[in-house]
Amino acid sequence: MSTKIHSTVTELPASCKASAERMARELAKEDFAEITESCRKQITELEHTLSKELGENIALVAFRV
């Protein structure tokens, strides 16, 4: 029997998608920090630098703690 899976998470095996989506829902509840455009640009530049160095897509997030 084939089960259809609708996922907002791409490029993951089906076995990982449920966990990734659950984590995405939890992260959406977090209190993101309000940052300036200058800070956002610095984070974006660091993402690009890390992605290039590591050969992987890297995403950084700013949370209020």
PDB file of N, CA and C in Angstrom:
ATOM      1  N   MET A   1       0.840  -1.176   0.000  1.00  0.00           N
ATOM      2  CA  MET A   1       0.000   0.000   0.000  1.00  0.00           C
ATOM      3  C   MET A   1       0.889   1.244   0.000  1.00  0.00           C
ATOM      4  N   SER A   2       0.609   2.186  -0.869  1.00  0.00           N
ATOM      5  CA  SER A   2       1.385   3.407  -0.980  1.00  0.00           C
ATOM      6  C   SER A   2       0.692   4.537  -0.224  1.00  0.00           C
ATOM      7  N   THR A   3       1.447   5.229   0.612  1.00  0.00           N
ATOM      8  CA  THR A   3       0.907   6.351   1.364  1.00  0.00           C
ATOM      9  C   THR A   3       1.412   7.637   0.743  1.00  0.00           C
ATOM     10  N   LYS A   4       0.498   8.562   0.478  1.00  0.00           N
ATOM     11  CA  LYS A   4       0.903   9.860  -0.044  1.00  0.00           C
ATOM     12  C   LYS A   4       1.363  10.725   1.119  1.00  0.00           C
ATOM     13  N   ILE A   5       2.476  11.383   0.923  1.00  0.00           N
ATOM     14  CA  ILE A   5       3.019  12.258   1.951  1.00  0.00           C
ATOM     15  C   ILE A   5       3.065  13.668   1.396  1.00  0.00           C
ATOM     16  N   HIS A   6       2.385  14.587   2.089  1.00  0.00           N
ATOM     17  CA  HIS A   6       2.467  16.000   1.728  1.00  0.00           C
ATOM     18  C   HIS A   6       3.450  16.638   2.691  1.00  0.00           C
ATOM     19  N   SER A   7       4.476  17.261   2.171  1.00  0.00           N
ATOM     20  CA  SER A   7       5.520  17.790   3.040  1.00  0.00           C
ATOM     21  C   SER A   7       5.981  19.153   2.567  1.00  0.00           C
ATOM     22  N   THR A   8       6.242  20.034   3.541  1.00  0.00           N
ATOM     23  CA  THR A   8       6.859  21.317   3.224  1.00  0.00           C
ATOM     24  C   THR A   8       8.373  21.193   3.282  1.00  0.00           C
ATOM     25  N   VAL A   9       8.855  20.051   3.750  1.00  0.00           N
ATOM     26  CA  VAL A   9      10.287  19.787   3.854  1.00  0.00           C
ATOM     27  C   VAL A   9      10.703  19.008   2.617  1.00  0.00           C
ATOM     28  N   THR A  10      11.729  19.486   1.939  1.00  0.00           N
ATOM     29  CA  THR A  10      12.160  18.821   0.716  1.00  0.00           C
ATOM     30  C   THR A  10      13.519  18.172   0.904  1.00  0.00           C
ATOM     31  N   GLU A  11      13.868  17.320  -0.003  1.00  0.00           N
ATOM     32  CA  GLU A  11      15.170  16.667  -0.056  1.00  0.00           C
ATOM     33  C   GLU A  11      15.497  15.873   1.205  1.00  0.00           C
ATOM     34  N   LEU A  12      14.491  15.287   1.836  1.00  0.00           N
ATOM     35  CA  LEU A  12      14.694  14.406   2.983  1.00  0.00           C
ATOM     36  C   LEU A  12      13.986  13.094   2.722  1.00  0.00           C
ATOM     37  N   PRO A  13      14.515  11.999   3.245  1.00  0.00           N
ATOM     38  CA  PRO A  13      13.790  10.730   3.127  1.00  0.00           C
ATOM     39  C   PRO A  13      12.449  10.834   3.852  1.00  0.00           C
ATOM     40  N   ALA A  14      11.477  10.074   3.411  1.00  0.00           N
ATOM     41  CA  ALA A  14      10.143  10.120   4.013  1.00  0.00           C
ATOM     42  C   ALA A  14      10.209   9.879   5.515  1.00  0.00           C
ATOM     43  N   SER A  15      11.128   9.039   5.958  1.00  0.00           N
ATOM     44  CA  SER A  15      11.233   8.731   7.386  1.00  0.00           C
ATOM     45  C   SER A  15      11.662   9.939   8.221  1.00  0.00           C
ATOM     46  N   CYS A  16      12.287  10.916   7.606  1.00  0.00           N
ATOM     47  CA  CYS A  16      12.761  12.102   8.333  1.00  0.00           C
ATOM     48  C   CYS A  16      11.780  13.268   8.264  1.00  0.00           C
ATOM     49  N   LYS A  17      10.884  13.243   7.285  1.00  0.00           N
ATOM     50  CA  LYS A  17      10.032  14.407   7.043  1.00  0.00           C
ATOM     51  C   LYS A  17       9.130  14.746   8.217  1.00  0.00           C
ATOM     52  N   ALA A  18       8.524  13.759   8.854  1.00  0.00           N
ATOM     53  CA  ALA A  18       7.621  14.040   9.972  1.00  0.00           C
ATOM     54  C   ALA A  18       8.372  14.731  11.106  1.00  0.00           C
ATOM     55  N   SER A  19       9.557  14.252  11.420  1.00  0.00           N
ATOM     56  CA  SER A  19      10.353  14.868  12.487  1.00  0.00           C
ATOM     57  C   SER A  19      10.760  16.288  12.115  1.00  0.00           C
ATOM     58  N   ALA A  20      11.178  16.483  10.877  1.00  0.00           N
ATOM     59  CA  ALA A  20      11.590  17.811  10.428  1.00  0.00           C
ATOM     60  C   ALA A  20      10.420  18.779  10.452  1.00  0.00           C
ATOM     61  N   GLU A  21       9.252  18.320  10.035  1.00  0.00           N
ATOM     62  CA  GLU A  21       8.079  19.190  10.046  1.00  0.00           C
ATOM     63  C   GLU A  21       7.639  19.507  11.473  1.00  0.00           C
ATOM     64  N   ARG A  22       7.743  18.543  12.375  1.00  0.00           N
ATOM     65  CA  ARG A  22       7.397  18.789  13.779  1.00  0.00           C
ATOM     66  C   ARG A  22       8.335  19.853  14.351  1.00  0.00           C
ATOM     67  N   MET A  23       9.619  19.756  14.054  1.00  0.00           N
ATOM     68  CA  MET A  23      10.580  20.752  14.517  1.00  0.00           C
ATOM     69  C   MET A  23      10.284  22.117  13.905  1.00  0.00           C
ATOM     70  N   ALA A  24       9.917  22.153  12.630  1.00  0.00           N
ATOM     71  CA  ALA A  24       9.587  23.421  11.973  1.00  0.00           C
ATOM     72  C   ALA A  24       8.393  24.081  12.651  1.00  0.00           C
ATOM     73  N   ARG A  25       7.393  23.284  13.042  1.00  0.00           N
ATOM     74  CA  ARG A  25       6.225  23.841  13.749  1.00  0.00           C
ATOM     75  C   ARG A  25       6.628  24.412  15.105  1.00  0.00           C
ATOM     76  N   GLU A  26       7.508  23.726  15.808  1.00  0.00           N
ATOM     77  CA  GLU A  26       7.970  24.215  17.112  1.00  0.00           C
ATOM     78  C   GLU A  26       8.777  25.498  16.953  1.00  0.00           C
ATOM     79  N   LEU A  27       9.627  25.534  15.939  1.00  0.00           N
ATOM     80  CA  LEU A  27      10.422  26.737  15.699  1.00  0.00           C
ATOM     81  C   LEU A  27       9.541  27.928  15.348  1.00  0.00           C
ATOM     82  N   ALA A  28       8.440  27.675  14.653  1.00  0.00           N
ATOM     83  CA  ALA A  28       7.524  28.756  14.284  1.00  0.00           C
ATOM     84  C   ALA A  28       6.903  29.395  15.517  1.00  0.00           C
ATOM     85  N   LYS A  29       6.842  28.668  16.621  1.00  0.00           N
ATOM     86  CA  LYS A  29       6.282  29.197  17.867  1.00  0.00           C
ATOM     87  C   LYS A  29       7.281  30.057  18.630  1.00  0.00           C
ATOM     88  N   GLU A  30       8.557  29.959  18.292  1.00  0.00           N
ATOM     89  CA  GLU A  30       9.601  30.662  19.027  1.00  0.00           C
ATOM     90  C   GLU A  30       9.472  32.169  18.859  1.00  0.00           C
ATOM     91  N   ASP A  31      10.125  32.883  19.737  1.00  0.00           N
ATOM     92  CA  ASP A  31      10.097  34.339  19.735  1.00  0.00           C
ATOM     93  C   ASP A  31      11.310  34.858  18.970  1.00  0.00           C
ATOM     94  N   PHE A  32      11.130  35.091  17.680  1.00  0.00           N
ATOM     95  CA  PHE A  32      12.221  35.587  16.858  1.00  0.00           C
ATOM     96  C   PHE A  32      12.601  36.997  17.300  1.00  0.00           C
ATOM     97  N   ALA A  33      13.880  37.281  17.290  1.00  0.00           N
ATOM     98  CA  ALA A  33      14.359  38.609  17.661  1.00  0.00           C
ATOM     99  C   ALA A  33      14.055  39.595  16.541  1.00  0.00           C
ATOM    100  N   GLU A  34      13.735  40.801  16.936  1.00  0.00           N
ATOM    101  CA  GLU A  34      13.565  41.864  15.944  1.00  0.00           C
ATOM    102  C   GLU A  34      14.939  42.481  15.746  1.00  0.00           C
ATOM    103  N   ILE A  35      15.448  42.390  14.519  1.00  0.00           N
ATOM    104  CA  ILE A  35      16.797  42.872  14.239  1.00  0.00           C
ATOM    105  C   ILE A  35      16.755  43.919  13.139  1.00  0.00           C
ATOM    106  N   THR A  36      17.796  44.717  13.103  1.00  0.00           N
ATOM    107  CA  THR A  36      17.884  45.758  12.082  1.00  0.00           C
ATOM    108  C   THR A  36      18.235  45.138  10.735  1.00  0.00           C
ATOM    109  N   GLU A  37      18.046  45.903   9.702  1.00  0.00           N
ATOM    110  CA  GLU A  37      18.408  45.451   8.355  1.00  0.00           C
ATOM    111  C   GLU A  37      19.906  45.168   8.276  1.00  0.00           C
ATOM    112  N   SER A  38      20.700  45.986   8.946  1.00  0.00           N
ATOM    113  CA  SER A  38      22.148  45.777   8.970  1.00  0.00           C
ATOM    114  C   SER A  38      22.498  44.431   9.605  1.00  0.00           C
ATOM    115  N   CYS A  39      21.847  44.091  10.711  1.00  0.00           N
ATOM    116  CA  CYS A  39      22.083  42.793  11.363  1.00  0.00           C
ATOM    117  C   CYS A  39      21.640  41.653  10.455  1.00  0.00           C
ATOM    118  N   ARG A  40      20.501  41.814   9.797  1.00  0.00           N
ATOM    119  CA  ARG A  40      20.011  40.775   8.894  1.00  0.00           C
ATOM    120  C   ARG A  40      21.011  40.525   7.776  1.00  0.00           C
ATOM    121  N   LYS A  41      21.574  41.597   7.234  1.00  0.00           N
ATOM    122  CA  LYS A  41      22.564  41.458   6.163  1.00  0.00           C
ATOM    123  C   LYS A  41      23.817  40.742   6.659  1.00  0.00           C
ATOM    124  N   GLN A  42      24.256  41.046   7.888  1.00  0.00           N
ATOM    125  CA  GLN A  42      25.429  40.379   8.445  1.00  0.00           C
ATOM    126  C   GLN A  42      25.173  38.886   8.622  1.00  0.00           C
ATOM    127  N   ILE A  43      23.989  38.538   9.102  1.00  0.00           N
ATOM    128  CA  ILE A  43      23.637  37.126   9.272  1.00  0.00           C
ATOM    129  C   ILE A  43      23.619  36.424   7.916  1.00  0.00           C
ATOM    130  N   THR A  44      23.032  37.080   6.916  1.00  0.00           N
ATOM    131  CA  THR A  44      22.962  36.506   5.572  1.00  0.00           C
ATOM    132  C   THR A  44      24.363  36.287   5.001  1.00  0.00           C
ATOM    133  N   GLU A  45      25.239  37.266   5.186  1.00  0.00           N
ATOM    134  CA  GLU A  45      26.617  37.123   4.704  1.00  0.00           C
ATOM    135  C   GLU A  45      27.320  35.960   5.397  1.00  0.00           C
ATOM    136  N   LEU A  46      27.111  35.812   6.711  1.00  0.00           N
ATOM    137  CA  LEU A  46      27.721  34.708   7.447  1.00  0.00           C
ATOM    138  C   LEU A  46      27.161  33.366   6.976  1.00  0.00           C
ATOM    139  N   GLU A  47      25.856  33.316   6.686  1.00  0.00           N
ATOM    140  CA  GLU A  47      25.262  32.093   6.131  1.00  0.00           C
ATOM    141  C   GLU A  47      25.964  31.695   4.836  1.00  0.00           C
ATOM    142  N   HIS A  48      26.171  32.670   3.951  1.00  0.00           N
ATOM    143  CA  HIS A  48      26.828  32.391   2.667  1.00  0.00           C
ATOM    144  C   HIS A  48      28.268  31.923   2.878  1.00  0.00           C
ATOM    145  N   THR A  49      28.990  32.584   3.793  1.00  0.00           N
ATOM    146  CA  THR A  49      30.375  32.204   4.075  1.00  0.00           C
ATOM    147  C   THR A  49      30.448  30.780   4.609  1.00  0.00           C
ATOM    148  N   LEU A  50      29.605  30.469   5.594  1.00  0.00           N
ATOM    149  CA  LEU A  50      29.604  29.124   6.180  1.00  0.00           C
ATOM    150  C   LEU A  50      29.181  28.074   5.159  1.00  0.00           C
ATOM    151  N   SER A  51      28.171  28.396   4.365  1.00  0.00           N
ATOM    152  CA  SER A  51      27.705  27.454   3.347  1.00  0.00           C
ATOM    153  C   SER A  51      28.821  27.126   2.366  1.00  0.00           C
ATOM    154  N   LYS A  52      29.551  28.146   1.956  1.00  0.00           N
ATOM    155  CA  LYS A  52      30.649  27.943   1.007  1.00  0.00           C
ATOM    156  C   LYS A  52      31.762  27.109   1.640  1.00  0.00           C
ATOM    157  N   GLU A  53      32.146  27.442   2.884  1.00  0.00           N
ATOM    158  CA  GLU A  53      33.218  26.713   3.568  1.00  0.00           C
ATOM    159  C   GLU A  53      32.856  25.259   3.820  1.00  0.00           C
ATOM    160  N   LEU A  54      31.610  25.013   4.211  1.00  0.00           N
ATOM    161  CA  LEU A  54      31.194  23.669   4.596  1.00  0.00           C
ATOM    162  C   LEU A  54      30.649  22.845   3.439  1.00  0.00           C
ATOM    163  N   GLY A  55      30.344  23.512   2.331  1.00  0.00           N
ATOM    164  CA  GLY A  55      29.773  22.802   1.196  1.00  0.00           C
ATOM    165  C   GLY A  55      28.354  22.326   1.455  1.00  0.00           C
ATOM    166  N   GLU A  56      27.659  23.011   2.354  1.00  0.00           N
ATOM    167  CA  GLU A  56      26.276  22.674   2.700  1.00  0.00           C
ATOM    168  C   GLU A  56      25.476  23.961   2.815  1.00  0.00           C
ATOM    169  N   ASN A  57      24.158  23.849   2.700  1.00  0.00           N
ATOM    170  CA  ASN A  57      23.303  25.009   2.925  1.00  0.00           C
ATOM    171  C   ASN A  57      23.162  25.230   4.423  1.00  0.00           C
ATOM    172  N   ILE A  58      23.514  26.428   4.883  1.00  0.00           N
ATOM    173  CA  ILE A  58      23.456  26.769   6.297  1.00  0.00           C
ATOM    174  C   ILE A  58      22.454  27.903   6.489  1.00  0.00           C
ATOM    175  N   ALA A  59      21.599  27.771   7.494  1.00  0.00           N
ATOM    176  CA  ALA A  59      20.642  28.823   7.836  1.00  0.00           C
ATOM    177  C   ALA A  59      20.851  29.207   9.292  1.00  0.00           C
ATOM    178  N   LEU A  60      20.973  30.487   9.546  1.00  0.00           N
ATOM    179  CA  LEU A  60      21.116  30.997  10.904  1.00  0.00           C
ATOM    180  C   LEU A  60      19.832  31.728  11.285  1.00  0.00           C
ATOM    181  N   VAL A  61      19.454  31.622  12.543  1.00  0.00           N
ATOM    182  CA  VAL A  61      18.213  32.226  13.024  1.00  0.00           C
ATOM    183  C   VAL A  61      18.515  33.010  14.287  1.00  0.00           C
ATOM    184  N   ALA A  62      17.899  34.169  14.441  1.00  0.00           N
ATOM    185  CA  ALA A  62      18.068  34.980  15.649  1.00  0.00           C
ATOM    186  C   ALA A  62      16.817  34.852  16.512  1.00  0.00           C
ATOM    187  N   PHE A  63      16.996  34.301  17.713  1.00  0.00           N
ATOM    188  CA  PHE A  63      15.910  34.161  18.679  1.00  0.00           C
ATOM    189  C   PHE A  63      16.150  35.091  19.854  1.00  0.00           C
ATOM    190  N   ARG A  64      15.092  35.587  20.424  1.00  0.00           N
ATOM    191  CA  ARG A  64      15.176  36.352  21.662  1.00  0.00           C
ATOM    192  C   ARG A  64      15.248  35.340  22.798  1.00  0.00           C
ATOM    193  N   VAL A  65      16.229  35.473  23.683  1.00  0.00           N
ATOM    194  CA  VAL A  65      16.351  34.538  24.815  1.00  0.00           C
ATOM    195  C   VAL A  65      16.235  35.269  26.131  1.00  0.00           C
TER     196      VAL A  65
END
